[in-house]
Amino acid sequence: NRLASYITNMGGNVILLSTSDILKDTSEIQYSDYKSYTVSKLEKLLDFKTEKISKKGISDVIIVIGKDKVHALPF
């Protein structure tokens, strides 16, 4: 919820927020088309790695918070 509020306050649109039963080891920002300014900005602000994915989802950018950042977000 903190990350969603942070992105909304920056002017982003949060489409969906969900919690998985399985916690991934590493955090990442997934994007489907190209590495846009938004993806680059989030990568720097959050210190998450980026990964291009082939499937088109509900949004252009998906942020996954893993075990490595679950308690270390900057806000």
Protein backbone atom coordinates (compact mmCIF):
# COMPACT_ATOMS: atom_id res chain seq x y z
CA ASN A 1 0.00 0.00 0.00
CA ARG A 2 2.90 2.37 0.73
CA LEU A 3 4.34 1.86 -2.74
CA ALA A 4 0.93 2.42 -4.35
CA SER A 5 0.52 5.70 -2.44
CA TYR A 6 4.05 6.74 -3.38
CA ILE A 7 3.42 6.12 -7.10
CA THR A 8 0.03 7.87 -6.98
CA ASN A 9 1.60 10.91 -5.31
CA MET A 10 4.18 11.01 -8.12
CA GLY A 11 1.33 11.19 -10.65
CA GLY A 12 1.17 7.53 -11.63
CA ASN A 13 -1.96 5.43 -12.01
CA VAL A 14 -2.08 2.31 -9.88
CA ILE A 15 -4.29 -0.21 -11.68
CA LEU A 16 -4.18 -3.19 -9.33
CA LEU A 17 -2.61 -4.04 -6.02
CA SER A 18 -2.34 -7.68 -4.99
CA THR A 19 -0.46 -9.90 -2.58
CA SER A 20 0.94 -13.28 -3.54
CA ASP A 21 1.09 -16.33 -1.31
CA ILE A 22 4.65 -16.88 -2.54
CA LEU A 23 7.26 -14.21 -1.81
CA LYS A 24 9.91 -13.86 -4.54
CA ASP A 25 13.55 -13.52 -3.51
CA THR A 26 14.31 -10.40 -5.56
CA SER A 27 12.33 -7.30 -6.39
CA GLU A 28 11.89 -6.24 -10.00
CA ILE A 29 10.12 -3.92 -12.38
CA GLN A 30 8.64 -5.73 -15.36
CA TYR A 31 7.72 -3.91 -18.57
CA SER A 32 6.23 -5.19 -21.82
CA ASP A 33 6.95 -2.74 -24.64
CA TYR A 34 10.11 -0.71 -24.14
CA LYS A 35 12.13 0.71 -21.26
CA SER A 36 10.32 4.03 -20.95
CA TYR A 37 11.22 7.09 -18.91
CA THR A 38 8.80 5.86 -16.23
CA VAL A 39 10.55 2.49 -15.94
CA SER A 40 13.97 4.17 -15.77
CA LYS A 41 12.77 6.63 -13.11
CA LEU A 42 11.24 3.86 -10.97
CA GLU A 43 14.40 1.77 -11.36
CA LYS A 44 16.50 4.61 -9.93
CA LEU A 45 14.07 5.60 -7.17
CA LEU A 46 13.38 2.07 -5.93
CA ASP A 47 16.74 0.47 -6.77
CA PHE A 48 14.97 -2.50 -8.39
CA LYS A 49 16.27 -4.45 -11.39
CA THR A 50 14.23 -4.29 -14.60
CA GLU A 51 13.10 -7.11 -16.84
CA LYS A 52 11.37 -7.04 -20.21
CA ILE A 53 8.54 -9.55 -20.41
CA SER A 54 6.93 -10.88 -23.59
CA LYS A 55 3.34 -11.10 -22.39
CA LYS A 56 1.12 -8.04 -22.32
CA GLY A 57 -0.65 -7.72 -18.98
CA ILE A 58 -3.21 -5.39 -17.48
CA SER A 59 -0.61 -2.59 -17.33
CA ASP A 60 2.58 -1.48 -19.06
CA VAL A 61 4.64 -1.74 -15.85
CA ILE A 62 4.44 -4.34 -13.07
CA ILE A 63 6.36 -3.84 -9.82
CA VAL A 64 7.16 -6.94 -7.76
CA ILE A 65 8.41 -6.43 -4.20
CA GLY A 66 10.57 -9.36 -3.13
CA LYS A 67 12.24 -10.47 0.09
CA ASP A 68 15.24 -8.23 -0.60
CA LYS A 69 13.21 -4.99 -0.40
CA VAL A 70 10.10 -5.82 1.62
CA HIS A 71 11.32 -3.81 4.63
CA ALA A 72 13.82 -1.53 2.89
CA LEU A 73 11.68 0.72 0.69
CA PRO A 74 12.68 4.41 0.91
CA PHE A 75 9.28 5.70 2.09
